[in-house]
Amino acid sequence: MQNNMDWSKKYYSPEAQAKVDEREKNWSPELQERVSRDWAALFADIDASTERASCRREGTSAGARWKSLVGEFYRAAIQQFRRA
């Protein structure tokens, strides 16, 4: 993945890019650590559940967690882009 985020500018209007830039200010090393930990835990649980008989129930739970993590990230972005 690229570290240089200039590539994203071709996908957003100047107004939407301003919203992305503003949202980026709220990102912190602590938030990155929490998000990385949450995703790593989810992936570990999914991997472990595929080896157990109860994987259907655990898979449903993992799916809900996945949706929650994705929603947490995109909910704020969608709200910002609707205002752009």
Foldseek 3Di string as FASTA:
>chain_A
DDPDPPVCVVVDDPQLVVLVVVVVVVDDPVNVVVLVVLVVVLVVQLVVLVPDPPNVVSVVVSVVSVCVSVCVVCVSSVVSVVVD
